[in-house]
């Protein structure tokens, strides 16, 4: 019980004491019985107060324990919050790197396409030039064959002309008598 109810019971007892002195025996007995009841109630209230104080002490101890647990949990929360922030910073950095890699991959793909086009163009130009060279070689071989035939014909003619020249330059044979 609270201090207020204890004081109230004590004041009631003090108020009843003068009345007990002038009462008749029956009333005095009744007043004494009431006083005894009040004292019993006061003793019960004191026991209840002691129990409440013990309970309060236990509750205060539990509160201190809970405060300690709360502080430990706050420290863990702060630690987890710091880890989350670090993870988010790392995630943001990895995202930037991934974006850079995607951009680089797209640039490589574009360059690859451009190189394929250049290679295809170079291949077509090389094929055309190869065909032109083959045609020129065939023409040169035909021309060479014709010139070889002309040379052979000219050599035969030179051989004939040489024979004629040799025959013309040969002194005439002396007649035999």
N, C-alpha and C. Protein backbone atom coordinates (compact mmCIF):
# COMPACT_ATOMS: atom_id res chain seq x y z
N UNK A 1 0.84 -1.18 0.00
CA UNK A 1 0.00 0.00 0.00
C UNK A 1 0.88 1.23 0.00
N UNK A 2 0.26 2.29 -0.34
CA UNK A 2 1.02 3.53 -0.41
C UNK A 2 1.11 4.19 0.94
N UNK A 3 1.98 5.16 1.01
CA UNK A 3 2.18 5.90 2.25
C UNK A 3 0.91 6.64 2.65
N UNK A 4 0.12 7.09 1.69
CA UNK A 4 -1.11 7.83 1.95
C UNK A 4 -2.11 6.97 2.70
N UNK A 5 -2.33 5.72 2.32
CA UNK A 5 -3.31 4.86 2.99
C UNK A 5 -2.81 4.48 4.38
N UNK A 6 -1.53 4.37 4.56
CA UNK A 6 -0.99 4.09 5.87
C UNK A 6 -1.27 5.25 6.82
N UNK A 7 -1.04 6.42 6.33
CA UNK A 7 -1.30 7.63 7.13
C UNK A 7 -2.80 7.75 7.43
N UNK A 8 -3.63 7.40 6.52
CA UNK A 8 -5.08 7.51 6.70
C UNK A 8 -5.53 6.55 7.80
N UNK A 9 -4.97 5.34 7.76
CA UNK A 9 -5.34 4.35 8.79
C UNK A 9 -4.85 4.82 10.16
N UNK A 10 -3.66 5.37 10.21
CA UNK A 10 -3.12 5.86 11.47
C UNK A 10 -3.96 7.02 12.01
N UNK A 11 -4.38 7.93 11.13
CA UNK A 11 -5.21 9.07 11.55
C UNK A 11 -6.56 8.56 12.05
N UNK A 12 -7.13 7.58 11.40
CA UNK A 12 -8.40 7.00 11.84
C UNK A 12 -8.27 6.40 13.23
N UNK A 13 -7.14 5.71 13.45
CA UNK A 13 -6.91 5.09 14.76
C UNK A 13 -6.77 6.16 15.83
N UNK A 14 -6.08 7.24 15.54
CA UNK A 14 -5.91 8.32 16.51
C UNK A 14 -7.25 9.00 16.81
N UNK A 15 -8.06 9.13 15.80
CA UNK A 15 -9.38 9.76 15.99
C UNK A 15 -10.27 8.86 16.85
N UNK A 16 -10.13 7.59 16.72
CA UNK A 16 -10.99 6.66 17.45
C UNK A 16 -10.54 6.47 18.89
N UNK A 17 -9.29 6.77 19.24
CA UNK A 17 -8.78 6.56 20.59
C UNK A 17 -9.52 7.39 21.64
N UNK A 18 -9.78 8.72 21.42
CA UNK A 18 -10.50 9.45 22.47
C UNK A 18 -11.91 8.93 22.63
N UNK A 19 -12.50 8.47 21.55
CA UNK A 19 -13.87 8.00 21.65
C UNK A 19 -13.92 6.73 22.47
N UNK A 20 -12.84 5.99 22.49
CA UNK A 20 -12.82 4.73 23.22
C UNK A 20 -12.84 4.95 24.74
N UNK A 21 -12.28 6.05 25.14
CA UNK A 21 -12.23 6.31 26.57
C UNK A 21 -13.60 6.58 27.17
N UNK A 22 -14.52 7.18 26.42
CA UNK A 22 -15.82 7.52 26.97
C UNK A 22 -16.90 6.55 26.59
N UNK A 23 -16.60 5.48 25.99
CA UNK A 23 -17.62 4.55 25.49
C UNK A 23 -18.00 3.57 26.60
N UNK A 24 -19.12 3.00 26.38
CA UNK A 24 -19.60 1.97 27.27
C UNK A 24 -18.83 0.70 26.93
N UNK A 25 -18.87 -0.24 27.80
CA UNK A 25 -18.10 -1.45 27.60
C UNK A 25 -18.40 -2.11 26.28
N UNK A 26 -19.65 -2.20 25.92
CA UNK A 26 -20.02 -2.83 24.66
C UNK A 26 -19.43 -2.01 23.52
N UNK A 27 -19.57 -0.75 23.59
CA UNK A 27 -19.03 0.12 22.54
C UNK A 27 -17.51 0.10 22.58
N UNK A 28 -16.99 0.01 23.85
CA UNK A 28 -15.54 -0.03 23.97
C UNK A 28 -15.00 -1.31 23.36
N UNK A 29 -15.69 -2.40 23.63
CA UNK A 29 -15.28 -3.68 23.04
C UNK A 29 -15.37 -3.62 21.52
N UNK A 30 -16.46 -2.98 21.07
CA UNK A 30 -16.63 -2.86 19.61
C UNK A 30 -15.51 -2.00 19.02
N UNK A 31 -15.17 -0.91 19.73
CA UNK A 31 -14.11 -0.01 19.25
C UNK A 31 -12.77 -0.73 19.29
N UNK A 32 -12.54 -1.54 20.35
CA UNK A 32 -11.29 -2.29 20.43
C UNK A 32 -11.22 -3.35 19.31
N UNK A 33 -12.37 -3.96 19.05
CA UNK A 33 -12.41 -4.95 17.96
C UNK A 33 -12.13 -4.25 16.63
N UNK A 34 -12.74 -3.05 16.47
CA UNK A 34 -12.47 -2.29 15.24
C UNK A 34 -10.99 -1.90 15.15
N UNK A 35 -10.43 -1.53 16.32
CA UNK A 35 -9.01 -1.16 16.36
C UNK A 35 -8.15 -2.37 16.02
N UNK A 36 -8.53 -3.54 16.58
CA UNK A 36 -7.79 -4.76 16.29
C UNK A 36 -7.87 -5.08 14.80
N UNK A 37 -9.06 -4.92 14.22
CA UNK A 37 -9.25 -5.17 12.79
C UNK A 37 -8.39 -4.20 11.98
N UNK A 38 -8.41 -2.95 12.46
CA UNK A 38 -7.62 -1.93 11.75
C UNK A 38 -6.14 -2.24 11.85
N UNK A 39 -5.67 -2.69 13.03
CA UNK A 39 -4.26 -3.04 13.19
C UNK A 39 -3.90 -4.25 12.32
N UNK A 40 -4.82 -5.21 12.26
CA UNK A 40 -4.59 -6.39 11.40
C UNK A 40 -4.50 -5.96 9.94
N UNK A 41 -5.42 -5.05 9.58
CA UNK A 41 -5.41 -4.55 8.21
C UNK A 41 -4.12 -3.78 7.94
N UNK A 42 -3.68 -3.01 8.99
CA UNK A 42 -2.44 -2.25 8.84
C UNK A 42 -1.26 -3.20 8.70
N UNK A 43 -1.23 -4.28 9.48
CA UNK A 43 -0.14 -5.27 9.37
C UNK A 43 -0.18 -5.92 7.98
N UNK A 44 -1.38 -6.24 7.50
CA UNK A 44 -1.51 -6.81 6.14
C UNK A 44 -1.05 -5.81 5.09
N UNK A 45 -1.41 -4.54 5.33
CA UNK A 45 -0.99 -3.52 4.38
C UNK A 45 0.53 -3.39 4.39
N UNK A 46 1.13 -3.50 5.62
CA UNK A 46 2.59 -3.43 5.72
C UNK A 46 3.24 -4.61 4.98
N UNK A 47 2.61 -5.81 5.15
CA UNK A 47 3.12 -6.99 4.42
C UNK A 47 3.00 -6.77 2.92
N UNK A 48 1.83 -6.26 2.51
CA UNK A 48 1.63 -5.97 1.09
C UNK A 48 2.64 -4.94 0.59
N UNK A 49 2.91 -3.95 1.46
CA UNK A 49 3.89 -2.92 1.10
C UNK A 49 5.27 -3.54 0.95
N UNK A 50 5.64 -4.43 1.89
CA UNK A 50 6.95 -5.09 1.81
C UNK A 50 7.02 -5.96 0.55
N UNK A 51 5.91 -6.67 0.26
CA UNK A 51 5.87 -7.49 -0.95
C UNK A 51 5.99 -6.61 -2.19
N UNK A 52 5.27 -5.47 -2.17
CA UNK A 52 5.31 -4.55 -3.31
C UNK A 52 6.71 -3.97 -3.47
N UNK A 53 7.37 -3.66 -2.32
CA UNK A 53 8.73 -3.13 -2.40
C UNK A 53 9.69 -4.18 -2.95
N UNK A 54 9.53 -5.43 -2.52
CA UNK A 54 10.38 -6.52 -3.05
C UNK A 54 10.11 -6.69 -4.54
N UNK A 55 8.83 -6.64 -4.89
CA UNK A 55 8.47 -6.77 -6.30
C UNK A 55 9.04 -5.60 -7.09
N UNK A 56 8.99 -4.40 -6.50
CA UNK A 56 9.55 -3.21 -7.16
C UNK A 56 11.05 -3.37 -7.35
N UNK A 57 11.73 -3.87 -6.33
CA UNK A 57 13.18 -4.08 -6.44
C UNK A 57 13.48 -5.09 -7.55
N UNK A 58 12.70 -6.17 -7.59
CA UNK A 58 12.88 -7.17 -8.64
C UNK A 58 12.62 -6.55 -10.02
N UNK A 59 11.55 -5.77 -10.08
CA UNK A 59 11.20 -5.13 -11.35
C UNK A 59 12.29 -4.15 -11.77
N UNK A 60 12.84 -3.40 -10.78
CA UNK A 60 13.92 -2.47 -11.11
C UNK A 60 15.15 -3.22 -11.59
N UNK A 61 15.44 -4.37 -10.97
CA UNK A 61 16.58 -5.19 -11.42
C UNK A 61 16.33 -5.68 -12.84
N UNK A 62 15.10 -6.17 -13.10
CA UNK A 62 14.76 -6.62 -14.45
C UNK A 62 14.85 -5.47 -15.44
N UNK A 63 14.42 -4.27 -15.00
CA UNK A 63 14.51 -3.09 -15.87
C UNK A 63 15.95 -2.77 -16.21
N UNK A 64 16.83 -2.86 -15.20
CA UNK A 64 18.26 -2.63 -15.45
C UNK A 64 18.81 -3.66 -16.44
N UNK A 65 18.40 -4.94 -16.24
CA UNK A 65 18.83 -5.99 -17.17
C UNK A 65 18.34 -5.69 -18.58
N UNK A 66 17.07 -5.27 -18.68
CA UNK A 66 16.50 -4.96 -19.99
C UNK A 66 17.21 -3.75 -20.62
N UNK A 67 17.57 -2.77 -19.77
CA UNK A 67 18.32 -1.62 -20.30
C UNK A 67 19.66 -2.07 -20.85
N UNK A 68 20.32 -2.98 -20.11
CA UNK A 68 21.59 -3.52 -20.59
C UNK A 68 21.41 -4.25 -21.92
N UNK A 69 20.37 -5.09 -21.99
CA UNK A 69 20.09 -5.79 -23.24
C UNK A 69 19.77 -4.81 -24.36
N UNK A 70 19.01 -3.77 -24.02
CA UNK A 70 18.64 -2.76 -25.01
C UNK A 70 19.89 -2.05 -25.53
N UNK A 71 20.81 -1.71 -24.62
CA UNK A 71 22.06 -1.06 -25.04
C UNK A 71 22.87 -1.98 -25.95
N UNK A 72 22.94 -3.27 -25.59
CA UNK A 72 23.67 -4.24 -26.43
C UNK A 72 23.01 -4.35 -27.80
N UNK A 73 21.67 -4.38 -27.81
CA UNK A 73 20.96 -4.48 -29.10
C UNK A 73 21.16 -3.21 -29.92
N UNK A 74 21.18 -2.05 -29.25
CA UNK A 74 21.43 -0.79 -29.98
C UNK A 74 22.83 -0.82 -30.61
N UNK A 75 23.80 -1.33 -29.86
CA UNK A 75 25.16 -1.44 -30.41
C UNK A 75 25.16 -2.36 -31.63
N UNK A 76 24.46 -3.48 -31.53
CA UNK A 76 24.37 -4.41 -32.68
C UNK A 76 23.68 -3.73 -33.85
N UNK A 77 22.61 -2.98 -33.56
CA UNK A 77 21.89 -2.28 -34.62
C UNK A 77 22.80 -1.27 -35.29
N UNK A 78 23.57 -0.52 -34.47
CA UNK A 78 24.51 0.45 -35.03
C UNK A 78 25.56 -0.25 -35.89
N UNK A 79 26.05 -1.40 -35.41
CA UNK A 79 27.03 -2.17 -36.17
C UNK A 79 26.43 -2.65 -37.49
N UNK A 80 25.19 -3.19 -37.41
CA UNK A 80 24.52 -3.66 -38.63
C UNK A 80 24.25 -2.51 -39.59
N UNK A 81 23.88 -1.36 -39.03
CA UNK A 81 23.62 -0.18 -39.87
C UNK A 81 24.90 0.22 -40.60
N UNK A 82 26.02 0.21 -39.89
CA UNK A 82 27.30 0.54 -40.52
C UNK A 82 27.64 -0.47 -41.61
N UNK A 83 27.39 -1.75 -41.32
CA UNK A 83 27.66 -2.79 -42.33
C UNK A 83 26.75 -2.62 -43.54
N UNK A 84 25.50 -2.27 -43.30
CA UNK A 84 24.55 -2.05 -44.41
C UNK A 84 25.01 -0.87 -45.25
N UNK A 85 25.44 0.22 -44.60
CA UNK A 85 25.91 1.37 -45.35
C UNK A 85 27.14 1.02 -46.17
N UNK A 86 28.06 0.24 -45.57
CA UNK A 86 29.25 -0.18 -46.30
C UNK A 86 28.86 -1.06 -47.48
N UNK A 87 27.90 -1.96 -47.28
CA UNK A 87 27.44 -2.84 -48.36
C UNK A 87 26.77 -2.03 -49.47
N UNK A 88 26.00 -1.01 -49.07
CA UNK A 88 25.35 -0.18 -50.08
C UNK A 88 26.39 0.61 -50.87
N UNK A 89 27.42 1.12 -50.19
CA UNK A 89 28.49 1.84 -50.90
C UNK A 89 29.21 0.90 -51.86
N UNK A 90 29.48 -0.31 -51.40
CA UNK A 90 30.14 -1.30 -52.26
C UNK A 90 29.24 -1.67 -53.43
N UNK A 91 27.94 -1.82 -53.17
CA UNK A 91 26.99 -2.13 -54.24
C UNK A 91 26.96 -1.00 -55.27
N UNK A 92 26.95 0.25 -54.80
CA UNK A 92 26.95 1.38 -55.71
C UNK A 92 28.22 1.41 -56.56
N UNK A 93 29.36 1.11 -55.93
CA UNK A 93 30.62 1.08 -56.66
C UNK A 93 30.60 -0.04 -57.70
N UNK A 94 30.11 -1.21 -57.32
CA UNK A 94 30.02 -2.33 -58.27
C UNK A 94 29.06 -2.01 -59.41
N UNK A 95 27.98 -1.30 -59.10
CA UNK A 95 27.03 -0.91 -60.14
C UNK A 95 27.69 0.04 -61.13
N UNK A 96 28.48 1.00 -60.62
CA UNK A 96 29.21 1.91 -61.51
C UNK A 96 30.17 1.14 -62.40
N UNK A 97 30.90 0.19 -61.80
CA UNK A 97 31.84 -0.62 -62.58
C UNK A 97 31.10 -1.44 -63.62
N UNK A 98 29.94 -2.00 -63.23
CA UNK A 98 29.15 -2.78 -64.19
C UNK A 98 28.68 -1.89 -65.33
N UNK A 99 28.23 -0.66 -65.01
CA UNK A 99 27.79 0.26 -66.05
C UNK A 99 28.95 0.58 -66.99
N UNK A 100 30.15 0.77 -66.42
CA UNK A 100 31.33 1.04 -67.25
C UNK A 100 31.64 -0.15 -68.14
N UNK A 101 31.53 -1.35 -67.57
CA UNK A 101 31.80 -2.56 -68.36
C UNK A 101 30.76 -2.74 -69.48
N UNK A 102 29.50 -2.43 -69.17
CA UNK A 102 28.46 -2.52 -70.19
C UNK A 102 28.74 -1.53 -71.31
N UNK A 103 29.12 -0.30 -70.93
CA UNK A 103 29.45 0.72 -71.93
C UNK A 103 30.64 0.26 -72.77
N UNK A 104 31.66 -0.28 -72.10
CA UNK A 104 32.85 -0.76 -72.83
C UNK A 104 32.47 -1.93 -73.76
N UNK A 105 31.60 -2.82 -73.28
CA UNK A 105 31.17 -3.96 -74.12
C UNK A 105 30.39 -3.47 -75.34
N UNK A 106 29.55 -2.46 -75.13
CA UNK A 106 28.79 -1.90 -76.25
C UNK A 106 29.74 -1.24 -77.25
N UNK A 107 30.75 -0.52 -76.74
CA UNK A 107 31.73 0.11 -77.62
C UNK A 107 32.49 -0.96 -78.40
N UNK A 108 32.85 -2.06 -77.71
CA UNK A 108 33.56 -3.17 -78.39
C UNK A 108 32.67 -3.80 -79.47
N UNK A 109 31.40 -3.97 -79.15
CA UNK A 109 30.48 -4.56 -80.13
C UNK A 109 30.35 -3.65 -81.34
N UNK A 110 30.26 -2.34 -81.12
CA UNK A 110 30.16 -1.39 -82.23
C UNK A 110 31.44 -1.42 -83.06
N UNK A 111 32.58 -1.45 -82.38
CA UNK A 111 33.86 -1.51 -83.08
C UNK A 111 33.98 -2.83 -83.85
N UNK A 112 33.50 -3.91 -83.25
CA UNK A 112 33.52 -5.21 -83.92
C UNK A 112 32.69 -5.18 -85.20
N UNK A 113 31.51 -4.57 -85.12
CA UNK A 113 30.67 -4.45 -86.32
C UNK A 113 31.36 -3.62 -87.39
N UNK A 114 31.99 -2.53 -86.94
CA UNK A 114 32.70 -1.67 -87.90
C UNK A 114 33.85 -2.43 -88.55
N UNK A 115 34.59 -3.20 -87.75
CA UNK A 115 35.69 -3.99 -88.30
C UNK A 115 35.18 -5.08 -89.25
N UNK A 116 34.02 -5.67 -88.92
CA UNK A 116 33.44 -6.67 -89.82
C UNK A 116 33.10 -6.05 -91.17
N UNK A 117 32.51 -4.83 -91.10
CA UNK A 117 32.18 -4.14 -92.35
C UNK A 117 33.44 -3.81 -93.14
N UNK A 118 34.47 -3.31 -92.41
CA UNK A 118 35.73 -3.01 -93.10
C UNK A 118 36.34 -4.27 -93.68
N UNK A 119 36.29 -5.36 -92.92
CA UNK A 119 36.85 -6.63 -93.41
C UNK A 119 36.08 -7.13 -94.62
N UNK A 120 34.75 -7.02 -94.56
CA UNK A 120 33.94 -7.45 -95.71
C UNK A 120 34.28 -6.59 -96.93
N UNK A 121 34.40 -5.26 -96.72
CA UNK A 121 34.76 -4.36 -97.82
C UNK A 121 36.14 -4.68 -98.35
N UNK A 122 37.09 -4.94 -97.44
CA UNK A 122 38.45 -5.28 -97.86
C UNK A 122 38.45 -6.62 -98.60
N UNK A 123 37.64 -7.55 -98.14
CA UNK A 123 37.55 -8.86 -98.80
C UNK A 123 36.99 -8.72 -100.21
N UNK A 124 35.95 -7.91 -100.34
CA UNK A 124 35.38 -7.69 -101.68
C UNK A 124 36.40 -7.00 -102.58
N UNK A 125 37.10 -5.99 -102.04
CA UNK A 125 38.11 -5.28 -102.84
C UNK A 125 39.23 -6.24 -103.22
N UNK A 126 39.66 -7.10 -102.27
CA UNK A 126 40.72 -8.07 -102.56
C UNK A 126 40.26 -9.08 -103.61
N UNK A 127 39.00 -9.53 -103.51
CA UNK A 127 38.48 -10.47 -104.50
C UNK A 127 38.43 -9.83 -105.88
N UNK A 128 38.00 -8.58 -105.91
CA UNK A 128 37.93 -7.87 -107.20
C UNK A 128 39.33 -7.67 -107.78
N UNK A 129 40.25 -7.26 -106.89
CA UNK A 129 41.63 -7.06 -107.36
C UNK A 129 42.24 -8.37 -107.80
N UNK A 130 41.94 -9.47 -107.08
CA UNK A 130 42.44 -10.79 -107.46
C UNK A 130 41.89 -11.19 -108.82
N UNK A 131 40.60 -10.93 -109.05
CA UNK A 131 40.02 -11.25 -110.36
C UNK A 131 40.67 -10.41 -111.45
N UNK A 132 40.90 -9.11 -111.12
CA UNK A 132 41.56 -8.24 -112.11
C UNK A 132 42.97 -8.75 -112.41
N UNK A 133 43.70 -9.14 -111.35
CA UNK A 133 45.06 -9.64 -111.55
C UNK A 133 45.06 -10.95 -112.35
N UNK A 134 44.10 -11.83 -112.07
CA UNK A 134 44.01 -13.08 -112.84
C UNK A 134 43.75 -12.79 -114.31
N UNK A 135 42.86 -11.80 -114.54
CA UNK A 135 42.57 -11.44 -115.93
C UNK A 135 43.81 -10.86 -116.60
N UNK A 136 44.54 -10.01 -115.85
CA UNK A 136 45.77 -9.43 -116.41
C UNK A 136 46.81 -10.52 -116.67
N UNK A 137 46.93 -11.46 -115.71
CA UNK A 137 47.89 -12.56 -115.88
C UNK A 137 47.52 -13.38 -117.11
N UNK A 138 46.22 -13.68 -117.25
CA UNK A 138 45.78 -14.46 -118.41
C UNK A 138 46.09 -13.70 -119.70
N UNK A 139 45.85 -12.38 -119.66
CA UNK A 139 46.14 -11.57 -120.86
C UNK A 139 47.64 -11.55 -121.13
N UNK A 140 48.44 -11.40 -120.05
CA UNK A 140 49.90 -11.39 -120.22
C UNK A 140 50.40 -12.74 -120.71
N UNK A 141 49.82 -13.84 -120.18
CA UNK A 141 50.22 -15.17 -120.65
C UNK A 141 49.88 -15.35 -122.12
N UNK A 142 48.68 -14.86 -122.51
CA UNK A 142 48.30 -14.95 -123.93
C UNK A 142 49.24 -14.12 -124.78
N UNK A 143 49.55 -12.90 -124.29
CA UNK A 143 50.46 -12.02 -125.00
C UNK A 143 51.84 -12.65 -125.08
N UNK A 144 52.27 -13.28 -123.94
CA UNK A 144 53.58 -13.94 -123.90
C UNK A 144 53.61 -15.10 -124.89
N UNK A 145 52.54 -15.85 -124.94
CA UNK A 145 52.47 -16.97 -125.88
C UNK A 145 52.55 -16.46 -127.32
N UNK A 146 51.81 -15.39 -127.59
CA UNK A 146 51.85 -14.81 -128.94
C UNK A 146 53.24 -14.29 -129.26
N UNK A 147 53.87 -13.62 -128.26
CA UNK A 147 55.22 -13.07 -128.50
C UNK A 147 56.23 -14.20 -128.65
N UNK A 148 56.03 -15.29 -127.85
CA UNK A 148 56.94 -16.44 -128.00
C UNK A 148 56.81 -17.02 -129.41
N UNK A 149 55.58 -17.08 -129.90
CA UNK A 149 55.36 -17.59 -131.27
C UNK A 149 56.00 -16.63 -132.27
N UNK A 150 55.85 -15.33 -132.02
CA UNK A 150 56.47 -14.34 -132.92
C UNK A 150 57.98 -14.48 -132.88
N UNK A 151 58.54 -14.64 -131.66
CA UNK A 151 59.99 -14.78 -131.53
C UNK A 151 60.46 -16.00 -132.29
N UNK A 152 59.74 -17.10 -132.11
CA UNK A 152 60.12 -18.33 -132.81
C UNK A 152 60.04 -18.13 -134.32
N UNK A 153 59.00 -17.46 -134.74
CA UNK A 153 58.85 -17.18 -136.18
C UNK A 153 59.97 -16.28 -136.66
N UNK A 154 60.30 -15.27 -135.83
CA UNK A 154 61.39 -14.35 -136.21
C UNK A 154 62.72 -15.08 -136.19
N UNK A 155 62.93 -16.00 -135.26
CA UNK A 155 64.17 -16.75 -135.21
C UNK A 155 64.31 -17.63 -136.45
N UNK A 156 63.21 -18.21 -136.87
CA UNK A 156 63.25 -19.03 -138.09
C UNK A 156 63.57 -18.14 -139.30
N UNK A 157 62.97 -16.99 -139.28
CA UNK A 157 63.23 -16.08 -140.40
C UNK A 157 64.67 -15.60 -140.37
N UNK A 158 65.16 -15.29 -139.13
CA UNK A 158 66.56 -14.86 -139.01
C UNK A 158 67.47 -15.99 -139.48
N UNK A 159 67.14 -17.24 -139.13
CA UNK A 159 67.96 -18.37 -139.54
C UNK A 159 67.96 -18.48 -141.05
N UNK A 160 66.81 -18.26 -141.66
CA UNK A 160 66.74 -18.30 -143.13
C UNK A 160 67.55 -17.17 -143.74
N UNK A 161 67.36 -16.00 -143.12
CA UNK A 161 68.10 -14.84 -143.65
C UNK A 161 69.59 -15.04 -143.45
N UNK A 162 69.99 -15.66 -142.35
CA UNK A 162 71.40 -15.91 -142.10
C UNK A 162 71.94 -16.87 -143.15
N UNK A 163 71.15 -17.87 -143.47
CA UNK A 163 71.56 -18.83 -144.49
C UNK A 163 71.71 -18.11 -145.81
N UNK A 164 70.82 -17.26 -146.12
CA UNK A 164 70.88 -16.51 -147.36
C UNK A 164 72.08 -15.59 -147.35
N UNK A 165 72.27 -14.93 -146.22
CA UNK A 165 73.41 -14.02 -146.13
C UNK A 165 74.70 -14.79 -146.26
N UNK A 166 74.76 -15.92 -145.59
CA UNK A 166 75.96 -16.75 -145.68
C UNK A 166 76.15 -17.21 -147.13
N UNK A 167 75.09 -17.55 -147.75
CA UNK A 167 75.19 -18.02 -149.12
C UNK A 167 75.57 -16.85 -150.02
N UNK A 168 75.09 -15.69 -149.71
CA UNK A 168 75.41 -14.52 -150.53
C UNK A 168 76.82 -14.08 -150.27
N UNK A 169 77.31 -14.25 -149.14
CA UNK A 169 78.64 -13.80 -148.82
C UNK A 169 79.68 -14.86 -149.15
N UNK A 170 79.33 -15.96 -149.54
CA UNK A 170 80.26 -17.03 -149.86
C UNK A 170 80.86 -16.72 -151.24
N UNK A 171 82.19 -16.85 -151.34
CA UNK A 171 82.76 -16.58 -152.62
C UNK A 171 82.29 -17.64 -153.63
N UNK A 172 82.17 -17.20 -154.82
CA UNK A 172 81.69 -18.17 -155.79
C UNK A 172 82.72 -19.29 -155.94
N UNK A 173 82.31 -20.36 -156.28
CA UNK A 173 83.19 -21.51 -156.45
C UNK A 173 83.89 -21.42 -157.79
N UNK A 174 85.16 -21.76 -157.79
CA UNK A 174 85.93 -21.68 -159.03
C UNK A 174 85.53 -22.80 -159.94
N UNK A 175 85.44 -22.49 -161.18
CA UNK A 175 85.06 -23.54 -162.08
C UNK A 175 86.20 -24.55 -162.23
N UNK A 176 85.99 -25.63 -162.42
CA UNK A 176 86.97 -26.69 -162.57
C UNK A 176 87.23 -26.89 -164.06
N UNK A 177 88.39 -26.89 -164.44
CA UNK A 177 88.73 -27.04 -165.86
C UNK A 177 88.64 -28.38 -166.35
